[in-house]
Amino acid sequence: MRQNIMPASSIQHRAPKTWNKIVITVDPCMSEAVTAYLAQLTGSGLEISAPENILESTKDFRMTRENITAYLPFASHGHAKKIVAEQTRKVEEFLARISLIFPDCLPPLLHNEIIREEDWGKKWKSFFTSFQVTPSLTIQPSWEETGGKKGKKHHVIVMDPGLAFGTGHHASTQLALLLLEQVFQESGDQLSRTLDVGTGSGILAIGCSLFGAGEVLAIDTDSDAVETAQQNILKNRLADRVTVSNRDVTLLKPGFHIVVANITHDILAELAAHLTNLLHQGGFLVLSGILNGDQEQSIRQIYAEHGLRFLKNLNKDEWAALLFQK
């Protein structure tokens, strides 16, 4: 299989980048609108998580809030301060408007900071340690020595997140991996071609390959995600089985035995026809990045209308992952 792998040297030697990291703590009622706005503004992936440190410290408040994190790139020279101020002002104006639409919700909180690429690895190393994410899968950073479980029935993913999301810590990633593990255990012999849409760090694509997929295509429109995924695939010695690309999902040809997408509700809804069409008859679709409740029911209904049969769901915290079959 022909590979689309960028040499590690070409990634490591490019000029370091700088980002305006924006973290918005919102009431879940605003989450969908804020996520859609930031996704359009950045043109890349977002991170949604439970807030750890916010001004109000009661347990009930934390349970009803979530952080949406986005990274806006800018040049670290010239009028950097002016650019960051303008980017932040636009977001603040949007949040002011959205607060008027949701007057009964707690107002959103915005925090931003400058992130330089050369400091990124140091921040990850301060807290990212190996952990078991599914019964047969452990995630391990490359700077740790190999240890713990490993064998025919237990796999280890060596993972450096870089500036792309997906370390296995987030509930949506864990739920997707759990569903994938179950599908491969039950139907692995029938699942030779796999597609990972919005691959991020490449963790789901790597997981599929370790679970038994013969051929995996991982795609993402974010150039940093493509670079990070390529490096992680090389670290796990899977370049002969996993291809990373920035190809448009709407231009891919059908015939995948399993498709997985861990992205936002709105994008999953928008891609329903395309993802359904990409599946081989009898193939499986794993969807994650969906909030419990209205979003979960919405995705179930949309994909049922496209002819897919709902098989099961998994839930953790406020997140859900769904399994369908064509």
C-alpha atoms as a PDB file:
ATOM      1  CA  MET A   1       0.000   0.000   0.000  1.00  0.00           C
ATOM      2  CA  ARG A   2       1.431   3.375  -0.971  1.00  0.00           C
ATOM      3  CA  GLN A   3       2.091   5.631   2.000  1.00  0.00           C
ATOM      4  CA  ASN A   4       1.600   9.381   2.366  1.00  0.00           C
ATOM      5  CA  ILE A   5       4.084   9.764   5.212  1.00  0.00           C
ATOM      6  CA  MET A   6       6.059  12.971   5.696  1.00  0.00           C
ATOM      7  CA  PRO A   7       9.652  12.417   6.833  1.00  0.00           C
ATOM      8  CA  ALA A   8      10.118  13.290  10.488  1.00  0.00           C
ATOM      9  CA  SER A   9      12.957  15.667   9.638  1.00  0.00           C
ATOM     10  CA  SER A  10      10.718  17.870   7.529  1.00  0.00           C
ATOM     11  CA  ILE A  11       8.320  18.257  10.447  1.00  0.00           C
ATOM     12  CA  GLN A  12      10.893  18.933  13.115  1.00  0.00           C
ATOM     13  CA  HIS A  13      12.794  21.595  11.168  1.00  0.00           C
ATOM     14  CA  ARG A  14       9.948  23.895  10.162  1.00  0.00           C
ATOM     15  CA  ALA A  15       9.646  27.243  11.914  1.00  0.00           C
ATOM     16  CA  PRO A  16       7.961  27.005  15.353  1.00  0.00           C
ATOM     17  CA  LYS A  17       4.393  28.300  15.452  1.00  0.00           C
ATOM     18  CA  THR A  18       2.572  30.466  17.965  1.00  0.00           C
ATOM     19  CA  TRP A  19      -1.086  30.319  18.976  1.00  0.00           C
ATOM     20  CA  ASN A  20      -3.621  32.378  20.863  1.00  0.00           C
ATOM     21  CA  LYS A  21      -5.117  29.708  23.118  1.00  0.00           C
ATOM     22  CA  ILE A  22      -8.729  30.588  23.923  1.00  0.00           C
ATOM     23  CA  VAL A  23     -10.617  28.687  26.633  1.00  0.00           C
ATOM     24  CA  ILE A  24     -14.322  29.411  27.053  1.00  0.00           C
ATOM     25  CA  THR A  25     -16.186  27.981  30.047  1.00  0.00           C
ATOM     26  CA  VAL A  26     -19.848  27.711  29.125  1.00  0.00           C
ATOM     27  CA  ASP A  27     -23.179  26.385  30.238  1.00  0.00           C
ATOM     28  CA  PRO A  28     -24.019  23.253  28.151  1.00  0.00           C
ATOM     29  CA  CYS A  29     -26.997  25.093  26.645  1.00  0.00           C
ATOM     30  CA  MET A  30     -24.526  27.372  24.832  1.00  0.00           C
ATOM     31  CA  SER A  31     -22.007  24.670  23.987  1.00  0.00           C
ATOM     32  CA  GLU A  32     -23.262  23.806  20.513  1.00  0.00           C
ATOM     33  CA  ALA A  33     -23.408  27.426  19.352  1.00  0.00           C
ATOM     34  CA  VAL A  34     -19.989  28.315  20.788  1.00  0.00           C
ATOM     35  CA  THR A  35     -18.411  25.157  19.355  1.00  0.00           C
ATOM     36  CA  ALA A  36     -19.795  25.873  15.890  1.00  0.00           C
ATOM     37  CA  TYR A  37     -18.514  29.462  16.012  1.00  0.00           C
ATOM     38  CA  LEU A  38     -15.005  28.485  17.122  1.00  0.00           C
ATOM     39  CA  ALA A  39     -14.793  25.656  14.591  1.00  0.00           C
ATOM     40  CA  GLN A  40     -15.608  28.129  11.823  1.00  0.00           C
ATOM     41  CA  LEU A  41     -13.195  30.720  13.230  1.00  0.00           C
ATOM     42  CA  THR A  42     -10.231  28.348  13.575  1.00  0.00           C
ATOM     43  CA  GLY A  43     -10.896  25.900  10.741  1.00  0.00           C
ATOM     44  CA  SER A  44      -9.409  23.165  12.941  1.00  0.00           C
ATOM     45  CA  GLY A  45     -10.132  20.876  15.859  1.00  0.00           C
ATOM     46  CA  LEU A  46     -11.468  21.915  19.258  1.00  0.00           C
ATOM     47  CA  GLU A  47     -11.205  20.365  22.695  1.00  0.00           C
ATOM     48  CA  ILE A  48     -14.240  20.043  24.974  1.00  0.00           C
ATOM     49  CA  SER A  49     -13.668  19.069  28.590  1.00  0.00           C
ATOM     50  CA  ALA A  50     -14.896  19.570  32.142  1.00  0.00           C
ATOM     51  CA  PRO A  51     -13.374  22.660  33.770  1.00  0.00           C
ATOM     52  CA  GLU A  52     -10.862  21.985  36.544  1.00  0.00           C
ATOM     53  CA  ASN A  53     -10.304  25.464  37.913  1.00  0.00           C
ATOM     54  CA  ILE A  54     -13.017  28.076  37.588  1.00  0.00           C
ATOM     55  CA  LEU A  55     -13.991  31.023  39.718  1.00  0.00           C
ATOM     56  CA  GLU A  56     -17.053  29.378  41.261  1.00  0.00           C
ATOM     57  CA  SER A  57     -15.810  26.256  43.040  1.00  0.00           C
ATOM     58  CA  THR A  58     -18.984  24.428  44.021  1.00  0.00           C
ATOM     59  CA  LYS A  59     -19.388  20.883  42.809  1.00  0.00           C
ATOM     60  CA  ASP A  60     -22.799  21.589  41.251  1.00  0.00           C
ATOM     61  CA  PHE A  61     -21.396  24.483  39.206  1.00  0.00           C
ATOM     62  CA  ARG A  62     -18.544  22.374  37.824  1.00  0.00           C
ATOM     63  CA  MET A  63     -20.991  19.620  36.858  1.00  0.00           C
ATOM     64  CA  THR A  64     -22.994  22.052  34.714  1.00  0.00           C
ATOM     65  CA  ARG A  65     -20.127  23.766  32.889  1.00  0.00           C
ATOM     66  CA  GLU A  66     -17.624  22.720  30.262  1.00  0.00           C
ATOM     67  CA  ASN A  67     -14.497  24.151  28.674  1.00  0.00           C
ATOM     68  CA  ILE A  68     -14.225  24.676  24.932  1.00  0.00           C
ATOM     69  CA  THR A  69     -10.616  25.219  23.863  1.00  0.00           C
ATOM     70  CA  ALA A  70      -9.500  26.598  20.506  1.00  0.00           C
ATOM     71  CA  TYR A  71      -6.135  27.640  19.084  1.00  0.00           C
ATOM     72  CA  LEU A  72      -5.893  30.655  16.781  1.00  0.00           C
ATOM     73  CA  PRO A  73      -2.548  30.840  14.937  1.00  0.00           C
ATOM     74  CA  PHE A  74      -0.675  34.115  14.469  1.00  0.00           C
ATOM     75  CA  ALA A  75       2.822  35.276  13.571  1.00  0.00           C
ATOM     76  CA  SER A  76       5.023  35.763  16.634  1.00  0.00           C
ATOM     77  CA  HIS A  77       6.614  38.879  15.145  1.00  0.00           C
ATOM     78  CA  GLY A  78       5.287  42.210  13.873  1.00  0.00           C
ATOM     79  CA  HIS A  79       1.967  43.320  15.366  1.00  0.00           C
ATOM     80  CA  ALA A  80       1.428  40.180  17.450  1.00  0.00           C
ATOM     81  CA  LYS A  81      -0.220  41.928  20.402  1.00  0.00           C
ATOM     82  CA  LYS A  82      -2.611  43.769  18.108  1.00  0.00           C
ATOM     83  CA  ILE A  83      -3.570  40.539  16.288  1.00  0.00           C
ATOM     84  CA  VAL A  84      -4.186  38.656  19.541  1.00  0.00           C
ATOM     85  CA  ALA A  85      -6.258  41.535  20.906  1.00  0.00           C
ATOM     86  CA  GLU A  86      -8.374  41.608  17.731  1.00  0.00           C
ATOM     87  CA  GLN A  87      -8.904  37.830  17.771  1.00  0.00           C
ATOM     88  CA  THR A  88      -9.950  37.924  21.415  1.00  0.00           C
ATOM     89  CA  ARG A  89     -12.231  40.932  20.862  1.00  0.00           C
ATOM     90  CA  LYS A  90     -14.158  39.090  18.142  1.00  0.00           C
ATOM     91  CA  VAL A  91     -14.732  36.142  20.446  1.00  0.00           C
ATOM     92  CA  GLU A  92     -15.824  38.433  23.287  1.00  0.00           C
ATOM     93  CA  GLU A  93     -18.333  40.163  20.999  1.00  0.00           C
ATOM     94  CA  PHE A  94     -19.761  36.806  19.938  1.00  0.00           C
ATOM     95  CA  LEU A  95     -20.090  35.672  23.560  1.00  0.00           C
ATOM     96  CA  ALA A  96     -21.912  38.904  24.427  1.00  0.00           C
ATOM     97  CA  ARG A  97     -24.412  38.237  21.633  1.00  0.00           C
ATOM     98  CA  ILE A  98     -24.879  34.593  22.573  1.00  0.00           C
ATOM     99  CA  SER A  99     -25.544  35.577  26.201  1.00  0.00           C
ATOM    100  CA  LEU A 100     -28.517  37.653  25.014  1.00  0.00           C
ATOM    101  CA  ILE A 101     -29.922  34.607  23.218  1.00  0.00           C
ATOM    102  CA  PHE A 102     -29.565  32.440  26.351  1.00  0.00           C
ATOM    103  CA  PRO A 103     -30.518  34.844  29.181  1.00  0.00           C
ATOM    104  CA  ASP A 104     -31.267  32.002  31.635  1.00  0.00           C
ATOM    105  CA  CYS A 105     -27.774  30.498  31.349  1.00  0.00           C
ATOM    106  CA  LEU A 106     -24.725  31.462  33.362  1.00  0.00           C
ATOM    107  CA  PRO A 107     -22.574  33.895  31.353  1.00  0.00           C
ATOM    108  CA  PRO A 108     -19.552  32.335  29.599  1.00  0.00           C
ATOM    109  CA  LEU A 109     -16.053  32.897  30.967  1.00  0.00           C
ATOM    110  CA  LEU A 110     -13.164  33.561  28.575  1.00  0.00           C
ATOM    111  CA  HIS A 111      -9.481  33.012  29.247  1.00  0.00           C
ATOM    112  CA  ASN A 112      -6.679  33.278  26.710  1.00  0.00           C
ATOM    113  CA  GLU A 113      -2.905  32.845  26.691  1.00  0.00           C
ATOM    114  CA  ILE A 114      -0.089  32.710  24.167  1.00  0.00           C
ATOM    115  CA  ILE A 115       1.203  29.191  23.427  1.00  0.00           C
ATOM    116  CA  ARG A 116       4.564  28.755  21.745  1.00  0.00           C
ATOM    117  CA  GLU A 117       5.262  25.463  20.057  1.00  0.00           C
ATOM    118  CA  GLU A 118       8.663  25.002  21.670  1.00  0.00           C
ATOM    119  CA  ASP A 119       6.980  24.995  25.112  1.00  0.00           C
ATOM    120  CA  TRP A 120       4.222  22.552  24.176  1.00  0.00           C
ATOM    121  CA  GLY A 121       6.135  19.321  24.743  1.00  0.00           C
ATOM    122  CA  LYS A 122       7.300  20.442  28.180  1.00  0.00           C
ATOM    123  CA  LYS A 123       3.713  21.089  29.287  1.00  0.00           C
ATOM    124  CA  TRP A 124       2.522  17.660  28.136  1.00  0.00           C
ATOM    125  CA  LYS A 125       5.404  15.856  29.836  1.00  0.00           C
ATOM    126  CA  SER A 126       4.468  17.395  33.175  1.00  0.00           C
ATOM    127  CA  PHE A 127       1.244  15.382  33.441  1.00  0.00           C
ATOM    128  CA  PHE A 128       0.918  12.838  30.605  1.00  0.00           C
ATOM    129  CA  THR A 129       1.758   9.352  31.919  1.00  0.00           C
ATOM    130  CA  SER A 130       0.814   5.894  30.667  1.00  0.00           C
ATOM    131  CA  PHE A 131      -2.660   4.564  31.462  1.00  0.00           C
ATOM    132  CA  GLN A 132      -4.977   1.750  30.379  1.00  0.00           C
ATOM    133  CA  VAL A 133      -7.771   3.089  28.192  1.00  0.00           C
ATOM    134  CA  THR A 134      -9.623  -0.166  27.317  1.00  0.00           C
ATOM    135  CA  PRO A 135      -9.313  -3.762  28.571  1.00  0.00           C
ATOM    136  CA  SER A 136      -6.785  -4.525  25.820  1.00  0.00           C
ATOM    137  CA  LEU A 137      -5.150  -1.139  25.189  1.00  0.00           C
ATOM    138  CA  THR A 138      -2.679   1.074  27.063  1.00  0.00           C
ATOM    139  CA  ILE A 139      -1.571   4.575  26.038  1.00  0.00           C
ATOM    140  CA  GLN A 140       2.071   5.409  26.736  1.00  0.00           C
ATOM    141  CA  PRO A 141       4.002   8.633  26.010  1.00  0.00           C
ATOM    142  CA  SER A 142       7.236   8.145  24.072  1.00  0.00           C
ATOM    143  CA  TRP A 143       9.355   9.585  26.891  1.00  0.00           C
ATOM    144  CA  GLU A 144       8.355   6.745  29.253  1.00  0.00           C
ATOM    145  CA  GLU A 145      10.134   3.413  29.283  1.00  0.00           C
ATOM    146  CA  THR A 146       8.073   0.485  28.033  1.00  0.00           C
ATOM    147  CA  GLY A 147       6.490  -1.439  30.864  1.00  0.00           C
ATOM    148  CA  GLY A 148       3.266  -3.032  32.040  1.00  0.00           C
ATOM    149  CA  LYS A 149       1.021  -5.182  29.918  1.00  0.00           C
ATOM    150  CA  LYS A 150       1.937  -6.022  26.379  1.00  0.00           C
ATOM    151  CA  GLY A 151       1.340  -9.139  24.311  1.00  0.00           C
ATOM    152  CA  LYS A 152      -0.941 -10.744  21.765  1.00  0.00           C
ATOM    153  CA  LYS A 153      -4.074  -9.739  23.659  1.00  0.00           C
ATOM    154  CA  HIS A 154      -2.869  -6.409  25.016  1.00  0.00           C
ATOM    155  CA  HIS A 155      -1.592  -3.531  22.908  1.00  0.00           C
ATOM    156  CA  VAL A 156       0.389  -0.385  23.692  1.00  0.00           C
ATOM    157  CA  ILE A 157       0.068   2.855  21.739  1.00  0.00           C
ATOM    158  CA  VAL A 158       3.106   5.125  21.987  1.00  0.00           C
ATOM    159  CA  MET A 159       1.567   8.570  21.817  1.00  0.00           C
ATOM    160  CA  ASP A 160       2.898  12.118  21.596  1.00  0.00           C
ATOM    161  CA  PRO A 161      -0.118  14.433  21.312  1.00  0.00           C
ATOM    162  CA  GLY A 162       1.614  17.463  19.838  1.00  0.00           C
ATOM    163  CA  LEU A 163      -0.693  20.291  18.779  1.00  0.00           C
ATOM    164  CA  ALA A 164      -3.556  17.939  17.953  1.00  0.00           C
ATOM    165  CA  PHE A 165      -6.180  16.504  20.243  1.00  0.00           C
ATOM    166  CA  GLY A 166      -6.540  12.875  21.203  1.00  0.00           C
ATOM    167  CA  THR A 167      -4.421  11.398  23.981  1.00  0.00           C
ATOM    168  CA  GLY A 168      -7.088   9.008  25.225  1.00  0.00           C
ATOM    169  CA  HIS A 169      -7.796  11.043  28.360  1.00  0.00           C
ATOM    170  CA  HIS A 170     -11.029  12.556  27.090  1.00  0.00           C
ATOM    171  CA  ALA A 171     -14.222  10.550  27.574  1.00  0.00           C
ATOM    172  CA  SER A 172     -15.217  10.825  23.891  1.00  0.00           C
ATOM    173  CA  THR A 173     -11.927   9.217  22.795  1.00  0.00           C
ATOM    174  CA  GLN A 174     -12.215   6.468  25.407  1.00  0.00           C
ATOM    175  CA  LEU A 175     -15.791   5.664  24.385  1.00  0.00           C
ATOM    176  CA  ALA A 176     -14.819   5.470  20.701  1.00  0.00           C
ATOM    177  CA  LEU A 177     -11.923   3.123  21.486  1.00  0.00           C
ATOM    178  CA  LEU A 178     -14.166   0.911  23.628  1.00  0.00           C
ATOM    179  CA  LEU A 179     -16.720   0.567  20.824  1.00  0.00           C
ATOM    180  CA  LEU A 180     -13.992  -0.087  18.257  1.00  0.00           C
ATOM    181  CA  GLU A 181     -12.445  -2.741  20.475  1.00  0.00           C
ATOM    182  CA  GLN A 182     -15.803  -4.498  20.830  1.00  0.00           C
ATOM    183  CA  VAL A 183     -16.553  -4.371  17.097  1.00  0.00           C
ATOM    184  CA  PHE A 184     -13.154  -5.791  16.151  1.00  0.00           C
ATOM    185  CA  GLN A 185     -13.432  -8.532  18.761  1.00  0.00           C
ATOM    186  CA  GLU A 186     -16.827  -9.579  17.401  1.00  0.00           C
ATOM    187  CA  SER A 187     -16.336  -8.995  13.654  1.00  0.00           C
ATOM    188  CA  GLY A 188     -12.612  -8.447  13.135  1.00  0.00           C
ATOM    189  CA  ASP A 189     -12.252 -10.926  10.283  1.00  0.00           C
ATOM    190  CA  GLN A 190     -14.715  -8.873   8.215  1.00  0.00           C
ATOM    191  CA  LEU A 191     -13.137  -5.450   8.847  1.00  0.00           C
ATOM    192  CA  SER A 192     -10.202  -5.004   6.504  1.00  0.00           C
ATOM    193  CA  ARG A 193     -10.692  -1.354   5.419  1.00  0.00           C
ATOM    194  CA  THR A 194     -11.062   1.355   8.064  1.00  0.00           C
ATOM    195  CA  LEU A 195     -11.534   5.138   7.867  1.00  0.00           C
ATOM    196  CA  ASP A 196     -10.831   7.567  10.719  1.00  0.00           C
ATOM    197  CA  VAL A 197     -12.427  10.962  10.034  1.00  0.00           C
ATOM    198  CA  GLY A 198     -10.864  13.906  11.892  1.00  0.00           C
ATOM    199  CA  THR A 199      -7.974  11.812  13.156  1.00  0.00           C
ATOM    200  CA  GLY A 200      -6.302  14.455  15.363  1.00  0.00           C
ATOM    201  CA  SER A 201      -3.329  12.734  16.988  1.00  0.00           C
ATOM    202  CA  GLY A 202      -4.077   9.508  15.086  1.00  0.00           C
ATOM    203  CA  ILE A 203      -5.041   7.595  18.224  1.00  0.00           C
ATOM    204  CA  LEU A 204      -8.216   6.010  16.826  1.00  0.00           C
ATOM    205  CA  ALA A 205      -6.525   5.042  13.561  1.00  0.00           C
ATOM    206  CA  ILE A 206      -3.662   3.434  15.479  1.00  0.00           C
ATOM    207  CA  GLY A 207      -6.144   1.680  17.751  1.00  0.00           C
ATOM    208  CA  CYS A 208      -8.004   0.240  14.760  1.00  0.00           C
ATOM    209  CA  SER A 209      -4.755  -1.066  13.299  1.00  0.00           C
ATOM    210  CA  LEU A 210      -3.761  -2.734  16.582  1.00  0.00           C
ATOM    211  CA  PHE A 211      -7.244  -4.204  16.989  1.00  0.00           C
ATOM    212  CA  GLY A 212      -6.847  -5.910  13.607  1.00  0.00           C
ATOM    213  CA  ALA A 213      -7.656  -3.614  10.678  1.00  0.00           C
ATOM    214  CA  GLY A 214      -5.576  -4.488   7.628  1.00  0.00           C
ATOM    215  CA  GLU A 215      -5.739  -1.044   6.033  1.00  0.00           C
ATOM    216  CA  VAL A 216      -6.498   2.272   7.748  1.00  0.00           C
ATOM    217  CA  LEU A 217      -6.961   5.705   6.184  1.00  0.00           C
ATOM    218  CA  ALA A 218      -6.770   8.598   8.671  1.00  0.00           C
ATOM    219  CA  ILE A 219      -7.839  12.022   7.402  1.00  0.00           C
ATOM    220  CA  ASP A 220      -7.855  15.520   8.898  1.00  0.00           C
ATOM    221  CA  THR A 221      -8.078  19.031   7.469  1.00  0.00           C
ATOM    222  CA  ASP A 222      -5.791  20.434  10.189  1.00  0.00           C
ATOM    223  CA  SER A 223      -2.163  20.434   8.982  1.00  0.00           C
ATOM    224  CA  ASP A 224      -0.822  20.141  12.546  1.00  0.00           C
ATOM    225  CA  ALA A 225      -3.036  17.111  13.148  1.00  0.00           C
ATOM    226  CA  VAL A 226      -1.759  15.459   9.963  1.00  0.00           C
ATOM    227  CA  GLU A 227       1.856  16.038  11.021  1.00  0.00           C
ATOM    228  CA  THR A 228       1.260  14.803  14.568  1.00  0.00           C
ATOM    229  CA  ALA A 229      -0.622  11.708  13.426  1.00  0.00           C
ATOM    230  CA  GLN A 230       2.131  10.855  10.947  1.00  0.00           C
ATOM    231  CA  GLN A 231       4.771  11.052  13.671  1.00  0.00           C
ATOM    232  CA  ASN A 232       2.689   8.918  16.061  1.00  0.00           C
ATOM    233  CA  ILE A 233       2.134   6.282  13.370  1.00  0.00           C
ATOM    234  CA  LEU A 234       5.859   6.142  12.704  1.00  0.00           C
ATOM    235  CA  LYS A 235       6.542   5.761  16.447  1.00  0.00           C
ATOM    236  CA  ASN A 236       4.179   2.762  16.519  1.00  0.00           C
ATOM    237  CA  ARG A 237       5.758   1.222  13.388  1.00  0.00           C
ATOM    238  CA  LEU A 238       2.447   1.146  11.540  1.00  0.00           C
ATOM    239  CA  ALA A 239       3.373   3.116   8.397  1.00  0.00           C
ATOM    240  CA  ASP A 240       2.753   0.008   6.272  1.00  0.00           C
ATOM    241  CA  ARG A 241      -0.860  -0.224   7.505  1.00  0.00           C
ATOM    242  CA  VAL A 242      -1.989   3.331   8.306  1.00  0.00           C
ATOM    243  CA  THR A 243      -2.038   6.210   5.803  1.00  0.00           C
ATOM    244  CA  VAL A 244      -2.550   9.823   6.909  1.00  0.00           C
ATOM    245  CA  SER A 245      -3.955  12.387   4.499  1.00  0.00           C
ATOM    246  CA  ASN A 246      -5.605  15.806   4.339  1.00  0.00           C
ATOM    247  CA  ARG A 247      -8.070  14.514   1.731  1.00  0.00           C
ATOM    248  CA  ASP A 248     -11.647  15.797   1.812  1.00  0.00           C
ATOM    249  CA  VAL A 249     -13.997  13.158   3.230  1.00  0.00           C
ATOM    250  CA  THR A 250     -16.648  14.082   0.663  1.00  0.00           C
ATOM    251  CA  LEU A 251     -14.293  13.049  -2.171  1.00  0.00           C
ATOM    252  CA  LEU A 252     -13.471   9.559  -0.875  1.00  0.00           C
ATOM    253  CA  LYS A 253     -14.745   6.427  -2.608  1.00  0.00           C
ATOM    254  CA  PRO A 254     -17.092   4.002  -0.771  1.00  0.00           C
ATOM    255  CA  GLY A 255     -16.142   0.563   0.469  1.00  0.00           C
ATOM    256  CA  PHE A 256     -14.975   0.961   4.088  1.00  0.00           C
ATOM    257  CA  HIS A 257     -15.880  -1.827   6.494  1.00  0.00           C
ATOM    258  CA  ILE A 258     -15.705   0.477   9.491  1.00  0.00           C
ATOM    259  CA  VAL A 259     -15.782   4.279   9.759  1.00  0.00           C
ATOM    260  CA  VAL A 260     -15.087   6.166  12.990  1.00  0.00           C
ATOM    261  CA  ALA A 261     -15.546   9.890  13.600  1.00  0.00           C
ATOM    262  CA  ASN A 262     -14.929  11.615  16.930  1.00  0.00           C
ATOM    263  CA  ILE A 263     -15.942  15.182  16.118  1.00  0.00           C
ATOM    264  CA  THR A 264     -18.760  17.591  17.000  1.00  0.00           C
ATOM    265  CA  HIS A 265     -22.494  17.006  16.720  1.00  0.00           C
ATOM    266  CA  ASP A 266     -23.003  19.608  13.991  1.00  0.00           C
ATOM    267  CA  ILE A 267     -20.287  18.204  11.743  1.00  0.00           C
ATOM    268  CA  LEU A 268     -21.538  14.638  12.274  1.00  0.00           C
ATOM    269  CA  ALA A 269     -25.010  15.782  11.283  1.00  0.00           C
ATOM    270  CA  GLU A 270     -23.655  17.568   8.201  1.00  0.00           C
ATOM    271  CA  LEU A 271     -21.627  14.520   7.104  1.00  0.00           C
ATOM    272  CA  ALA A 272     -24.382  11.936   7.650  1.00  0.00           C
ATOM    273  CA  ALA A 273     -25.016  11.245   3.964  1.00  0.00           C
ATOM    274  CA  HIS A 274     -21.299  11.075   3.137  1.00  0.00           C
ATOM    275  CA  LEU A 275     -20.342   8.779   6.026  1.00  0.00           C
ATOM    276  CA  THR A 276     -23.264   6.468   5.292  1.00  0.00           C
ATOM    277  CA  ASN A 277     -22.329   6.288   1.617  1.00  0.00           C
ATOM    278  CA  LEU A 278     -18.698   5.452   2.453  1.00  0.00           C
ATOM    279  CA  LEU A 279     -19.708   2.306   4.336  1.00  0.00           C
ATOM    280  CA  HIS A 280     -19.624  -1.120   2.733  1.00  0.00           C
ATOM    281  CA  GLN A 281     -22.952  -2.957   3.054  1.00  0.00           C
ATOM    282  CA  GLY A 282     -22.909  -4.523   6.515  1.00  0.00           C
ATOM    283  CA  GLY A 283     -20.165  -2.120   7.652  1.00  0.00           C
ATOM    284  CA  PHE A 284     -20.039  -0.405  11.041  1.00  0.00           C
ATOM    285  CA  LEU A 285     -20.060   3.293  11.953  1.00  0.00           C
ATOM    286  CA  VAL A 286     -18.715   4.557  15.310  1.00  0.00           C
ATOM    287  CA  LEU A 287     -19.589   8.169  16.194  1.00  0.00           C
ATOM    288  CA  SER A 288     -18.319  10.073  19.239  1.00  0.00           C
ATOM    289  CA  GLY A 289     -17.902  13.643  20.460  1.00  0.00           C
ATOM    290  CA  ILE A 290     -21.639  13.773  21.192  1.00  0.00           C
ATOM    291  CA  LEU A 291     -23.244  15.085  24.369  1.00  0.00           C
ATOM    292  CA  ASN A 292     -25.819  12.958  26.203  1.00  0.00           C
ATOM    293  CA  GLY A 293     -29.451  13.872  25.775  1.00  0.00           C
ATOM    294  CA  ASP A 294     -30.619  15.995  22.844  1.00  0.00           C
ATOM    295  CA  GLN A 295     -27.432  15.630  20.781  1.00  0.00           C
ATOM    296  CA  GLU A 296     -27.403  11.855  21.200  1.00  0.00           C
ATOM    297  CA  GLN A 297     -31.048  11.535  20.177  1.00  0.00           C
ATOM    298  CA  SER A 298     -30.511  13.901  17.251  1.00  0.00           C
ATOM    299  CA  ILE A 299     -27.634  11.833  15.822  1.00  0.00           C
ATOM    300  CA  ARG A 300     -29.573   8.589  16.259  1.00  0.00           C
ATOM    301  CA  GLN A 301     -32.506  10.024  14.327  1.00  0.00           C
ATOM    302  CA  ILE A 302     -30.410  11.587  11.540  1.00  0.00           C
ATOM    303  CA  TYR A 303     -28.432   8.412  10.812  1.00  0.00           C
ATOM    304  CA  ALA A 304     -31.541   6.219  11.065  1.00  0.00           C
ATOM    305  CA  GLU A 305     -33.106   8.409   8.374  1.00  0.00           C
ATOM    306  CA  HIS A 306     -30.078   7.594   6.197  1.00  0.00           C
ATOM    307  CA  GLY A 307     -30.787   3.884   6.522  1.00  0.00           C
ATOM    308  CA  LEU A 308     -28.378   2.860   9.285  1.00  0.00           C
ATOM    309  CA  ARG A 309     -29.398   0.502  12.084  1.00  0.00           C
ATOM    310  CA  PHE A 310     -28.578   1.653  15.597  1.00  0.00           C
ATOM    311  CA  LEU A 311     -26.827  -1.125  17.551  1.00  0.00           C
ATOM    312  CA  LYS A 312     -25.687   0.322  20.887  1.00  0.00           C
ATOM    313  CA  ASN A 313     -24.395   3.315  22.784  1.00  0.00           C
ATOM    314  CA  LEU A 314     -21.820   3.878  25.526  1.00  0.00           C
ATOM    315  CA  ASN A 315     -21.881   6.802  27.944  1.00  0.00           C
ATOM    316  CA  LYS A 316     -19.344   8.408  30.267  1.00  0.00           C
ATOM    317  CA  ASP A 317     -19.773  11.662  32.157  1.00  0.00           C
ATOM    318  CA  GLU A 318     -21.798  13.889  29.806  1.00  0.00           C
ATOM    319  CA  TRP A 319     -20.555  12.152  26.634  1.00  0.00           C
ATOM    320  CA  ALA A 320     -21.968   9.455  24.358  1.00  0.00           C
ATOM    321  CA  ALA A 321     -20.626   7.259  21.549  1.00  0.00           C
ATOM    322  CA  LEU A 322     -22.925   5.432  19.140  1.00  0.00           C
ATOM    323  CA  LEU A 323     -22.541   2.309  17.017  1.00  0.00           C
ATOM    324  CA  PHE A 324     -24.498   1.828  13.770  1.00  0.00           C
ATOM    325  CA  GLN A 325     -24.508  -0.793  11.029  1.00  0.00           C
ATOM    326  CA  LYS A 326     -25.406  -0.404   7.375  1.00  0.00           C
END
